[in-house]
């Protein structure tokens, strides 16, 4: 039996999953790693947190709620503007602020070199997936700043 298609063939499973379960888990994971690193100073928490933030910084600038309009049933928190990244304007502000706070917390582990020992892993992944090299801590800081901080600045 064939299911009739709408004028726009929308597959929202991934969007719904990332919005209602996956992103919340990512946000909570980042918060837990950030707080654990701040409370203990144990670099193992910065190691995991920096890897997560680096990956988020790779794809965050390309996220766009406008691709999932209300007219097709997507209830983003964007007051009908079609603007926002993963959750719309309202809820997205809380998410990105958590990522920025985490970057601020992990920054000391990247400020004077690769204290978290993440460069070999992240550079290998960058090479594997055809991304720009991440061969030192400066490249990781630049990726985080370009992927997390600059996209929220006004034009």
Protein backbone atom coordinates (compact mmCIF):
# COMPACT_ATOMS: atom_id res chain seq x y z
CA UNK A 1 0.00 0.00 0.00
CA UNK A 2 1.35 3.40 -0.99
CA UNK A 3 1.05 6.43 1.26
CA UNK A 4 -0.10 9.55 -0.60
CA UNK A 5 2.52 12.30 -0.63
CA UNK A 6 2.00 15.93 0.27
CA UNK A 7 3.11 18.62 -2.20
CA UNK A 8 6.36 18.82 -0.21
CA UNK A 9 7.66 15.39 0.73
CA UNK A 10 8.76 16.11 4.30
CA UNK A 11 10.56 13.57 6.45
CA UNK A 12 10.58 15.02 9.93
CA UNK A 13 11.76 12.10 12.03
CA UNK A 14 15.33 13.37 12.35
CA UNK A 15 14.21 16.92 13.02
CA UNK A 16 11.73 15.82 15.68
CA UNK A 17 14.22 13.49 17.32
CA UNK A 18 16.96 16.09 17.48
CA UNK A 19 14.58 18.74 18.69
CA UNK A 20 12.78 16.87 21.43
CA UNK A 21 15.19 14.21 22.61
CA UNK A 22 18.60 14.36 21.03
CA UNK A 23 19.38 18.05 21.48
CA UNK A 24 18.23 17.99 25.09
CA UNK A 25 20.59 15.09 25.73
CA UNK A 26 23.44 16.90 23.99
CA UNK A 27 22.74 20.04 26.00
CA UNK A 28 22.65 18.10 29.27
CA UNK A 29 25.83 16.24 28.35
CA UNK A 30 27.69 19.47 27.60
CA UNK A 31 26.46 20.99 30.88
CA UNK A 32 27.53 17.93 32.88
CA UNK A 33 30.99 17.87 31.28
CA UNK A 34 31.40 21.62 31.76
CA UNK A 35 30.39 21.51 35.42
CA UNK A 36 32.51 18.43 36.12
CA UNK A 37 35.54 20.11 34.59
CA UNK A 38 34.96 23.32 36.52
CA UNK A 39 34.43 21.54 39.85
CA UNK A 40 37.26 19.01 39.56
CA UNK A 41 39.74 20.47 37.09
CA UNK A 42 40.09 16.95 35.69
CA UNK A 43 41.06 17.30 32.04
CA UNK A 44 39.16 14.12 31.07
CA UNK A 45 35.94 16.17 31.22
CA UNK A 46 37.43 18.88 29.02
CA UNK A 47 38.61 16.18 26.60
CA UNK A 48 35.09 14.84 26.04
CA UNK A 49 33.47 18.29 26.12
CA UNK A 50 35.83 19.81 23.56
CA UNK A 51 35.26 16.91 21.19
CA UNK A 52 31.48 17.43 21.45
CA UNK A 53 31.72 21.21 21.03
CA UNK A 54 34.04 20.90 18.06
CA UNK A 55 31.55 18.65 16.26
CA UNK A 56 28.66 20.95 17.12
CA UNK A 57 30.66 23.90 15.78
CA UNK A 58 31.12 22.00 12.51
CA UNK A 59 27.40 21.82 11.74
CA UNK A 60 25.70 24.55 13.82
CA UNK A 61 26.14 27.38 11.27
CA UNK A 62 24.28 25.35 8.60
CA UNK A 63 21.26 24.59 10.79
CA UNK A 64 18.12 26.44 9.66
CA UNK A 65 14.59 26.27 11.08
CA UNK A 66 13.36 28.02 7.95
CA UNK A 67 13.66 24.68 6.17
CA UNK A 68 10.90 23.36 8.48
CA UNK A 69 8.04 25.89 8.16
CA UNK A 70 4.90 26.09 10.28
CA UNK A 71 2.82 25.71 7.15
CA UNK A 72 3.99 22.09 7.02
CA UNK A 73 3.29 21.41 10.68
CA UNK A 74 6.61 22.19 12.31
CA UNK A 75 6.11 24.03 15.59
CA UNK A 76 9.38 25.84 16.02
CA UNK A 77 9.66 28.57 18.62
CA UNK A 78 10.19 31.20 15.96
CA UNK A 79 6.95 33.30 16.17
CA UNK A 80 6.32 32.52 12.48
CA UNK A 81 9.52 34.21 11.32
CA UNK A 82 11.20 31.10 9.96
CA UNK A 83 14.39 32.20 11.68
CA UNK A 84 16.53 30.29 14.09
CA UNK A 85 18.88 27.37 14.03
CA UNK A 86 17.62 24.14 15.58
CA UNK A 87 14.73 25.23 17.82
CA UNK A 88 13.74 28.62 16.54
CA UNK A 89 14.58 32.02 17.93
CA UNK A 90 13.22 31.62 21.43
CA UNK A 91 14.43 28.20 22.53
CA UNK A 92 17.59 28.31 20.43
CA UNK A 93 18.99 31.20 22.46
CA UNK A 94 19.12 28.99 25.55
CA UNK A 95 20.86 26.18 23.71
CA UNK A 96 23.59 28.28 22.11
CA UNK A 97 24.24 30.05 25.40
CA UNK A 98 24.98 26.65 26.99
CA UNK A 99 27.45 25.86 24.22
CA UNK A 100 29.13 29.24 24.68
CA UNK A 101 29.37 28.79 28.46
CA UNK A 102 30.94 25.39 27.88
CA UNK A 103 33.45 26.82 25.40
CA UNK A 104 34.35 29.47 27.96
CA UNK A 105 34.84 26.78 30.64
CA UNK A 106 36.96 24.53 28.38
CA UNK A 107 38.99 27.40 26.92
CA UNK A 108 41.87 27.06 29.42
CA UNK A 109 42.46 23.50 28.18
CA UNK A 110 43.08 24.95 24.69
CA UNK A 111 44.60 28.34 25.55
CA UNK A 112 48.24 27.32 25.84
CA UNK A 113 48.26 24.20 23.70
CA UNK A 114 46.36 20.95 23.67
CA UNK A 115 46.13 20.21 27.39
CA UNK A 116 43.04 18.07 26.78
CA UNK A 117 44.87 15.93 24.18
CA UNK A 118 42.09 16.22 21.59
CA UNK A 119 44.04 17.47 18.57
CA UNK A 120 45.16 14.04 17.25
CA UNK A 121 41.61 12.65 17.37
CA UNK A 122 39.89 15.74 15.94
CA UNK A 123 42.52 16.25 13.24
CA UNK A 124 42.11 12.62 12.21
CA UNK A 125 38.33 13.04 11.99
CA UNK A 126 38.71 16.29 10.03
CA UNK A 127 40.93 14.48 7.55
CA UNK A 128 38.58 11.50 7.38
CA UNK A 129 35.57 13.70 6.57
CA UNK A 130 37.27 16.24 4.30
CA UNK A 131 37.17 19.15 6.71
CA UNK A 132 39.88 21.76 7.18
CA UNK A 133 42.84 20.53 9.27
CA UNK A 134 42.57 20.77 13.03
CA UNK A 135 46.25 20.27 13.70
CA UNK A 136 46.64 22.47 16.77
CA UNK A 137 44.68 24.10 19.58
CA UNK A 138 44.45 27.38 17.65
CA UNK A 139 42.55 25.60 14.84
CA UNK A 140 40.11 24.16 17.39
CA UNK A 141 39.55 27.56 18.98
CA UNK A 142 38.95 29.10 15.55
CA UNK A 143 36.44 26.36 14.66
CA UNK A 144 34.53 26.94 17.91
CA UNK A 145 34.55 30.70 17.47
CA UNK A 146 33.48 30.53 13.81
CA UNK A 147 30.90 27.82 14.43
CA UNK A 148 29.39 28.89 17.75
CA UNK A 149 30.15 32.55 18.48
CA UNK A 150 30.12 34.32 15.13
CA UNK A 151 26.82 32.88 13.85
CA UNK A 152 24.94 34.60 16.68
CA UNK A 153 26.54 38.00 16.25
CA UNK A 154 24.48 40.62 14.42
CA UNK A 155 25.50 41.17 10.78
